[in-house]
Amino acid sequence: MMGPEQEAQRALFYKFSVEDHVPSGHILRAIDSVIDLSGAHKHLTEYYSSTGRKID
């Protein structure tokens, strides 16, 4: 290869699973089973760009 030595590119995408990282007895699992946040997206929509991150 010609030119400067290339560093290995970090993974562009990665896999992350909350199930793999939050212990089964953690308090957040108990809270999740009681609180319904499904309507939160509707109330927060105005803060999200339709095409990605907003540039300030």
PDB file of N, CA and C in Angstrom:
ATOM      1  N   MET A   1       0.846  -1.170   0.000  1.00  0.00           N
ATOM      2  CA  MET A   1       0.000   0.000   0.000  1.00  0.00           C
ATOM      3  C   MET A   1       0.889   1.229   0.000  1.00  0.00           C
ATOM      4  N   MET A   2       0.459   2.214  -0.746  1.00  0.00           N
ATOM      5  CA  MET A   2       1.217   3.459  -0.807  1.00  0.00           C
ATOM      6  C   MET A   2       0.585   4.476   0.137  1.00  0.00           C
ATOM      7  N   GLY A   3       1.364   5.445   0.558  1.00  0.00           N
ATOM      8  CA  GLY A   3       0.838   6.490   1.430  1.00  0.00           C
ATOM      9  C   GLY A   3       1.008   6.119   2.886  1.00  0.00           C
ATOM     10  N   PRO A   4       0.481   6.982   3.744  1.00  0.00           N
ATOM     11  CA  PRO A   4       0.628   6.724   5.183  1.00  0.00           C
ATOM     12  C   PRO A   4      -0.143   5.480   5.611  1.00  0.00           C
ATOM     13  N   GLU A   5       0.361   4.872   6.654  1.00  0.00           N
ATOM     14  CA  GLU A   5      -0.290   3.677   7.177  1.00  0.00           C
ATOM     15  C   GLU A   5      -1.680   4.033   7.706  1.00  0.00           C
ATOM     16  N   GLN A   6      -2.672   3.255   7.346  1.00  0.00           N
ATOM     17  CA  GLN A   6      -4.052   3.516   7.731  1.00  0.00           C
ATOM     18  C   GLN A   6      -4.365   2.823   9.051  1.00  0.00           C
ATOM     19  N   GLU A   7      -5.090   3.529   9.914  1.00  0.00           N
ATOM     20  CA  GLU A   7      -5.565   2.911  11.149  1.00  0.00           C
ATOM     21  C   GLU A   7      -6.863   2.172  10.846  1.00  0.00           C
ATOM     22  N   ALA A   8      -7.130   1.123  11.573  1.00  0.00           N
ATOM     23  CA  ALA A   8      -8.367   0.380  11.383  1.00  0.00           C
ATOM     24  C   ALA A   8      -9.549   1.276  11.747  1.00  0.00           C
ATOM     25  N   GLN A   9     -10.563   1.280  10.881  1.00  0.00           N
ATOM     26  CA  GLN A   9     -11.752   2.095  11.134  1.00  0.00           C
ATOM     27  C   GLN A   9     -12.615   1.420  12.194  1.00  0.00           C
ATOM     28  N   ARG A  10     -13.110   2.198  13.144  1.00  0.00           N
ATOM     29  CA  ARG A  10     -14.016   1.655  14.151  1.00  0.00           C
ATOM     30  C   ARG A  10     -15.321   1.277  13.470  1.00  0.00           C
ATOM     31  N   ALA A  11     -16.031   0.381  14.068  1.00  0.00           N
ATOM     32  CA  ALA A  11     -17.296  -0.064  13.502  1.00  0.00           C
ATOM     33  C   ALA A  11     -18.231   1.125  13.320  1.00  0.00           C
ATOM     34  N   LEU A  12     -18.830   1.220  12.137  1.00  0.00           N
ATOM     35  CA  LEU A  12     -19.752   2.302  11.849  1.00  0.00           C
ATOM     36  C   LEU A  12     -21.065   2.104  12.607  1.00  0.00           C
ATOM     37  N   PHE A  13     -21.464   0.871  12.723  1.00  0.00           N
ATOM     38  CA  PHE A  13     -22.677   0.536  13.463  1.00  0.00           C
ATOM     39  C   PHE A  13     -22.294  -0.429  14.570  1.00  0.00           C
ATOM     40  N   TYR A  14     -23.023  -0.420  15.634  1.00  0.00           N
ATOM     41  CA  TYR A  14     -22.745  -1.356  16.713  1.00  0.00           C
ATOM     42  C   TYR A  14     -24.063  -1.875  17.253  1.00  0.00           C
ATOM     43  N   LYS A  15     -23.983  -3.005  17.880  1.00  0.00           N
ATOM     44  CA  LYS A  15     -25.162  -3.629  18.453  1.00  0.00           C
ATOM     45  C   LYS A  15     -25.121  -3.421  19.963  1.00  0.00           C
ATOM     46  N   PHE A  16     -26.213  -2.886  20.498  1.00  0.00           N
ATOM     47  CA  PHE A  16     -26.310  -2.673  21.930  1.00  0.00           C
ATOM     48  C   PHE A  16     -27.675  -3.157  22.375  1.00  0.00           C
ATOM     49  N   SER A  17     -27.712  -3.973  23.378  1.00  0.00           N
ATOM     50  CA  SER A  17     -28.968  -4.489  23.891  1.00  0.00           C
ATOM     51  C   SER A  17     -29.087  -4.141  25.368  1.00  0.00           C
ATOM     52  N   VAL A  18     -30.152  -3.419  25.716  1.00  0.00           N
ATOM     53  CA  VAL A  18     -30.392  -3.091  27.119  1.00  0.00           C
ATOM     54  C   VAL A  18     -30.554  -4.371  27.922  1.00  0.00           C
ATOM     55  N   GLU A  19     -31.187  -5.358  27.323  1.00  0.00           N
ATOM     56  CA  GLU A  19     -31.394  -6.638  28.010  1.00  0.00           C
ATOM     57  C   GLU A  19     -30.066  -7.261  28.454  1.00  0.00           C
ATOM     58  N   ASP A  20     -29.014  -7.047  27.678  1.00  0.00           N
ATOM     59  CA  ASP A  20     -27.706  -7.604  28.008  1.00  0.00           C
ATOM     60  C   ASP A  20     -26.971  -6.802  29.086  1.00  0.00           C
ATOM     61  N   HIS A  21     -27.405  -5.562  29.341  1.00  0.00           N
ATOM     62  CA  HIS A  21     -26.649  -4.685  30.231  1.00  0.00           C
ATOM     63  C   HIS A  21     -27.354  -4.295  31.529  1.00  0.00           C
ATOM     64  N   VAL A  22     -28.663  -4.480  31.601  1.00  0.00           N
ATOM     65  CA  VAL A  22     -29.390  -4.143  32.826  1.00  0.00           C
ATOM     66  C   VAL A  22     -29.713  -5.442  33.556  1.00  0.00           C
ATOM     67  N   PRO A  23     -29.176  -5.626  34.757  1.00  0.00           N
ATOM     68  CA  PRO A  23     -29.418  -6.860  35.512  1.00  0.00           C
ATOM     69  C   PRO A  23     -30.914  -7.103  35.742  1.00  0.00           C
ATOM     70  N   SER A  24     -31.290  -8.355  35.858  1.00  0.00           N
ATOM     71  CA  SER A  24     -32.702  -8.718  35.989  1.00  0.00           C
ATOM     72  C   SER A  24     -33.366  -8.125  37.232  1.00  0.00           C
ATOM     73  N   GLY A  25     -32.643  -7.905  38.304  1.00  0.00           N
ATOM     74  CA  GLY A  25     -33.224  -7.365  39.520  1.00  0.00           C
ATOM     75  C   GLY A  25     -33.078  -5.857  39.676  1.00  0.00           C
ATOM     76  N   HIS A  26     -32.638  -5.170  38.631  1.00  0.00           N
ATOM     77  CA  HIS A  26     -32.380  -3.723  38.706  1.00  0.00           C
ATOM     78  C   HIS A  26     -33.683  -2.942  38.867  1.00  0.00           C
ATOM     79  N   ILE A  27     -33.646  -1.850  39.621  1.00  0.00           N
ATOM     80  CA  ILE A  27     -34.830  -1.024  39.900  1.00  0.00           C
ATOM     81  C   ILE A  27     -35.465  -0.487  38.612  1.00  0.00           C
ATOM     82  N   LEU A  28     -34.685  -0.232  37.576  1.00  0.00           N
ATOM     83  CA  LEU A  28     -35.248   0.287  36.331  1.00  0.00           C
ATOM     84  C   LEU A  28     -36.217  -0.698  35.685  1.00  0.00           C
ATOM     85  N   ARG A  29     -35.989  -1.973  35.869  1.00  0.00           N
ATOM     86  CA  ARG A  29     -36.920  -2.970  35.323  1.00  0.00           C
ATOM     87  C   ARG A  29     -38.257  -2.907  36.058  1.00  0.00           C
ATOM     88  N   ALA A  30     -38.228  -2.664  37.363  1.00  0.00           N
ATOM     89  CA  ALA A  30     -39.466  -2.531  38.132  1.00  0.00           C
ATOM     90  C   ALA A  30     -40.215  -1.271  37.721  1.00  0.00           C
ATOM     91  N   ILE A  31     -39.494  -0.179  37.529  1.00  0.00           N
ATOM     92  CA  ILE A  31     -40.118   1.077  37.105  1.00  0.00           C
ATOM     93  C   ILE A  31     -40.734   0.914  35.721  1.00  0.00           C
ATOM     94  N   ASP A  32     -40.026   0.258  34.814  1.00  0.00           N
ATOM     95  CA  ASP A  32     -40.507   0.069  33.449  1.00  0.00           C
ATOM     96  C   ASP A  32     -41.813  -0.713  33.413  1.00  0.00           C
ATOM     97  N   SER A  33     -41.991  -1.619  34.345  1.00  0.00           N
ATOM     98  CA  SER A  33     -43.216  -2.425  34.348  1.00  0.00           C
ATOM     99  C   SER A  33     -44.421  -1.648  34.873  1.00  0.00           C
ATOM    100  N   VAL A  34     -44.203  -0.477  35.510  1.00  0.00           N
ATOM    101  CA  VAL A  34     -45.286   0.300  36.108  1.00  0.00           C
ATOM    102  C   VAL A  34     -45.620   1.561  35.304  1.00  0.00           C
ATOM    103  N   ILE A  35     -44.616   2.195  34.717  1.00  0.00           N
ATOM    104  CA  ILE A  35     -44.802   3.471  34.026  1.00  0.00           C
ATOM    105  C   ILE A  35     -44.914   3.253  32.519  1.00  0.00           C
ATOM    106  N   ASP A  36     -45.907   3.896  31.897  1.00  0.00           N
ATOM    107  CA  ASP A  36     -46.104   3.826  30.447  1.00  0.00           C
ATOM    108  C   ASP A  36     -45.650   5.147  29.823  1.00  0.00           C
ATOM    109  N   LEU A  37     -44.551   5.097  29.082  1.00  0.00           N
ATOM    110  CA  LEU A  37     -44.016   6.296  28.440  1.00  0.00           C
ATOM    111  C   LEU A  37     -44.298   6.311  26.939  1.00  0.00           C
ATOM    112  N   SER A  38     -45.229   5.500  26.476  1.00  0.00           N
ATOM    113  CA  SER A  38     -45.491   5.403  25.043  1.00  0.00           C
ATOM    114  C   SER A  38     -45.985   6.725  24.444  1.00  0.00           C
ATOM    115  N   GLY A  39     -46.625   7.588  25.241  1.00  0.00           N
ATOM    116  CA  GLY A  39     -47.110   8.868  24.724  1.00  0.00           C
ATOM    117  C   GLY A  39     -46.059   9.960  24.717  1.00  0.00           C
ATOM    118  N   ALA A  40     -44.891   9.700  25.270  1.00  0.00           N
ATOM    119  CA  ALA A  40     -43.840  10.723  25.359  1.00  0.00           C
ATOM    120  C   ALA A  40     -43.382  11.199  23.987  1.00  0.00           C
ATOM    121  N   HIS A  41     -43.313  10.305  23.012  1.00  0.00           N
ATOM    122  CA  HIS A  41     -42.843  10.684  21.674  1.00  0.00           C
ATOM    123  C   HIS A  41     -43.720  11.779  21.081  1.00  0.00           C
ATOM    124  N   LYS A  42     -45.029  11.665  21.258  1.00  0.00           N
ATOM    125  CA  LYS A  42     -45.967  12.654  20.721  1.00  0.00           C
ATOM    126  C   LYS A  42     -45.663  14.039  21.295  1.00  0.00           C
ATOM    127  N   HIS A  43     -45.362  14.119  22.571  1.00  0.00           N
ATOM    128  CA  HIS A  43     -45.112  15.396  23.233  1.00  0.00           C
ATOM    129  C   HIS A  43     -43.721  15.953  22.938  1.00  0.00           C
ATOM    130  N   LEU A  44     -42.792  15.099  22.526  1.00  0.00           N
ATOM    131  CA  LEU A  44     -41.419  15.546  22.276  1.00  0.00           C
ATOM    132  C   LEU A  44     -41.097  15.716  20.790  1.00  0.00           C
ATOM    133  N   THR A  45     -42.050  15.424  19.911  1.00  0.00           N
ATOM    134  CA  THR A  45     -41.816  15.452  18.468  1.00  0.00           C
ATOM    135  C   THR A  45     -41.237  16.781  17.997  1.00  0.00           C
ATOM    136  N   GLU A  46     -41.710  17.893  18.543  1.00  0.00           N
ATOM    137  CA  GLU A  46     -41.252  19.204  18.087  1.00  0.00           C
ATOM    138  C   GLU A  46     -39.748  19.431  18.339  1.00  0.00           C
ATOM    139  N   TYR A  47     -39.149  18.636  19.201  1.00  0.00           N
ATOM    140  CA  TYR A  47     -37.729  18.804  19.516  1.00  0.00           C
ATOM    141  C   TYR A  47     -36.809  17.974  18.620  1.00  0.00           C
ATOM    142  N   TYR A  48     -37.385  17.184  17.726  1.00  0.00           N
ATOM    143  CA  TYR A  48     -36.608  16.327  16.845  1.00  0.00           C
ATOM    144  C   TYR A  48     -36.717  16.780  15.402  1.00  0.00           C
ATOM    145  N   SER A  49     -35.632  16.736  14.692  1.00  0.00           N
ATOM    146  CA  SER A  49     -35.631  17.080  13.281  1.00  0.00           C
ATOM    147  C   SER A  49     -36.200  15.928  12.468  1.00  0.00           C
ATOM    148  N   SER A  50     -36.889  16.247  11.374  1.00  0.00           N
ATOM    149  CA  SER A  50     -37.440  15.195  10.523  1.00  0.00           C
ATOM    150  C   SER A  50     -36.361  14.549   9.654  1.00  0.00           C
ATOM    151  N   THR A  51     -35.184  15.195   9.558  1.00  0.00           N
ATOM    152  CA  THR A  51     -34.112  14.683   8.708  1.00  0.00           C
ATOM    153  C   THR A  51     -32.843  14.343   9.457  1.00  0.00           C
ATOM    154  N   GLY A  52     -32.854  14.395  10.765  1.00  0.00           N
ATOM    155  CA  GLY A  52     -31.654  14.088  11.545  1.00  0.00           C
ATOM    156  C   GLY A  52     -31.400  15.167  12.572  1.00  0.00           C
ATOM    157  N   ARG A  53     -30.176  15.233  13.051  1.00  0.00           N
ATOM    158  CA  ARG A  53     -29.824  16.215  14.080  1.00  0.00           C
ATOM    159  C   ARG A  53     -29.881  17.620  13.530  1.00  0.00           C
ATOM    160  N   LYS A  54     -30.408  18.531  14.334  1.00  0.00           N
ATOM    161  CA  LYS A  54     -30.387  19.952  13.973  1.00  0.00           C
ATOM    162  C   LYS A  54     -29.009  20.514  14.276  1.00  0.00           C
ATOM    163  N   ILE A  55     -28.558  21.387  13.421  1.00  0.00           N
ATOM    164  CA  ILE A  55     -27.270  22.047  13.647  1.00  0.00           C
ATOM    165  C   ILE A  55     -27.554  23.432  14.205  1.00  0.00           C
ATOM    166  N   ASP A  56     -27.032  23.701  15.397  1.00  0.00           N
ATOM    167  CA  ASP A  56     -27.284  25.015  16.030  1.00  0.00           C
ATOM    168  C   ASP A  56     -26.273  26.020  15.600  1.00  0.00           C
TER     169      ASP A  56
END
